């Protein structure tokens, strides 16, 4: 499992969403994290919008950090 840090962006698979998203970790709990979605597939727009861009992700479904390029 990754060393997940609050405030960083990761590729992850949220609960109830069809595809992976890129999101910013807002808070971690024992087995899950609250993620603010930054990028997602268009087919998941309704679900993401309904959840106001905040989703719950199992820590085991957080795959890789995203590096921002400037």
C-alpha atoms as a PDB file:
ATOM      1  CA  UNK A   1       0.000   0.000   0.000  1.00  0.00           C
ATOM      2  CA  UNK A   2       1.161   3.547  -0.768  1.00  0.00           C
ATOM      3  CA  UNK A   3       2.191   6.100   1.825  1.00  0.00           C
ATOM      4  CA  UNK A   4      -0.823   8.349   1.211  1.00  0.00           C
ATOM      5  CA  UNK A   5      -0.477  12.022   2.132  1.00  0.00           C
ATOM      6  CA  UNK A   6      -3.288  14.516   2.664  1.00  0.00           C
ATOM      7  CA  UNK A   7      -2.956  17.388   0.204  1.00  0.00           C
ATOM      8  CA  UNK A   8      -1.519  15.353  -2.672  1.00  0.00           C
ATOM      9  CA  UNK A   9      -3.233  14.098  -5.834  1.00  0.00           C
ATOM     10  CA  UNK A  10      -3.594  10.415  -6.710  1.00  0.00           C
ATOM     11  CA  UNK A  11      -5.119   8.142  -9.325  1.00  0.00           C
ATOM     12  CA  UNK A  12      -7.848   6.163  -7.586  1.00  0.00           C
ATOM     13  CA  UNK A  13     -11.086   4.191  -8.030  1.00  0.00           C
ATOM     14  CA  UNK A  14     -13.864   5.693  -5.855  1.00  0.00           C
ATOM     15  CA  UNK A  15     -16.738   3.688  -4.411  1.00  0.00           C
ATOM     16  CA  UNK A  16     -19.762   3.883  -6.736  1.00  0.00           C
ATOM     17  CA  UNK A  17     -17.878   5.330  -9.727  1.00  0.00           C
ATOM     18  CA  UNK A  18     -17.286   3.320 -12.924  1.00  0.00           C
ATOM     19  CA  UNK A  19     -13.810   4.553 -13.892  1.00  0.00           C
ATOM     20  CA  UNK A  20     -10.651   5.789 -12.200  1.00  0.00           C
ATOM     21  CA  UNK A  21     -10.328   9.469 -11.310  1.00  0.00           C
ATOM     22  CA  UNK A  22      -7.549  11.848 -10.348  1.00  0.00           C
ATOM     23  CA  UNK A  23      -8.244  13.462  -7.023  1.00  0.00           C
ATOM     24  CA  UNK A  24      -6.835  15.436  -4.118  1.00  0.00           C
ATOM     25  CA  UNK A  25      -6.824  13.697  -0.713  1.00  0.00           C
ATOM     26  CA  UNK A  26      -8.790  15.852   1.745  1.00  0.00           C
ATOM     27  CA  UNK A  27      -8.974  13.495   4.728  1.00  0.00           C
ATOM     28  CA  UNK A  28      -7.979   9.943   5.593  1.00  0.00           C
ATOM     29  CA  UNK A  29      -9.725   7.525   7.905  1.00  0.00           C
ATOM     30  CA  UNK A  30      -8.785   3.999   9.016  1.00  0.00           C
ATOM     31  CA  UNK A  31      -9.582   2.269   5.688  1.00  0.00           C
ATOM     32  CA  UNK A  32     -10.828   5.069   3.430  1.00  0.00           C
ATOM     33  CA  UNK A  33     -10.110   8.602   2.242  1.00  0.00           C
ATOM     34  CA  UNK A  34     -12.260  11.543   1.159  1.00  0.00           C
ATOM     35  CA  UNK A  35     -11.073  12.700  -2.268  1.00  0.00           C
ATOM     36  CA  UNK A  36     -11.895  15.928  -4.110  1.00  0.00           C
ATOM     37  CA  UNK A  37     -12.166  14.900  -7.777  1.00  0.00           C
ATOM     38  CA  UNK A  38      -9.968  16.919 -10.167  1.00  0.00           C
ATOM     39  CA  UNK A  39     -10.270  14.840 -13.342  1.00  0.00           C
ATOM     40  CA  UNK A  40     -12.704  12.105 -14.406  1.00  0.00           C
ATOM     41  CA  UNK A  41     -14.231  10.328 -17.403  1.00  0.00           C
ATOM     42  CA  UNK A  42     -17.253  12.102 -18.907  1.00  0.00           C
ATOM     43  CA  UNK A  43     -19.436   8.998 -18.466  1.00  0.00           C
ATOM     44  CA  UNK A  44     -19.084   9.423 -14.662  1.00  0.00           C
ATOM     45  CA  UNK A  45     -20.190  13.074 -14.693  1.00  0.00           C
ATOM     46  CA  UNK A  46     -23.649  12.454 -13.184  1.00  0.00           C
ATOM     47  CA  UNK A  47     -22.289  10.455 -10.229  1.00  0.00           C
ATOM     48  CA  UNK A  48     -19.387  12.850  -9.566  1.00  0.00           C
ATOM     49  CA  UNK A  49     -21.665  15.896  -9.809  1.00  0.00           C
ATOM     50  CA  UNK A  50     -24.268  14.291  -7.541  1.00  0.00           C
ATOM     51  CA  UNK A  51     -21.561  13.767  -4.892  1.00  0.00           C
ATOM     52  CA  UNK A  52     -20.420  17.403  -5.313  1.00  0.00           C
ATOM     53  CA  UNK A  53     -16.993  16.233  -6.513  1.00  0.00           C
ATOM     54  CA  UNK A  54     -16.181  14.604  -3.145  1.00  0.00           C
ATOM     55  CA  UNK A  55     -15.994  10.820  -3.147  1.00  0.00           C
ATOM     56  CA  UNK A  56     -15.032   8.057  -0.744  1.00  0.00           C
ATOM     57  CA  UNK A  57     -12.159   5.788  -1.776  1.00  0.00           C
ATOM     58  CA  UNK A  58     -10.836   2.631  -0.114  1.00  0.00           C
ATOM     59  CA  UNK A  59      -7.136   3.095   0.690  1.00  0.00           C
ATOM     60  CA  UNK A  60      -6.436  -0.105  -1.250  1.00  0.00           C
ATOM     61  CA  UNK A  61      -8.005   1.512  -4.357  1.00  0.00           C
ATOM     62  CA  UNK A  62      -5.550   4.435  -4.408  1.00  0.00           C
ATOM     63  CA  UNK A  63      -3.023   3.474  -7.072  1.00  0.00           C
ATOM     64  CA  UNK A  64      -0.374   6.102  -7.789  1.00  0.00           C
ATOM     65  CA  UNK A  65       0.533   9.708  -7.020  1.00  0.00           C
ATOM     66  CA  UNK A  66       0.094  12.288  -9.765  1.00  0.00           C
ATOM     67  CA  UNK A  67       3.023  14.598 -10.477  1.00  0.00           C
ATOM     68  CA  UNK A  68       2.098  18.125 -11.517  1.00  0.00           C
ATOM     69  CA  UNK A  69       4.278  19.507 -14.301  1.00  0.00           C
ATOM     70  CA  UNK A  70       4.873  23.233 -14.562  1.00  0.00           C
END
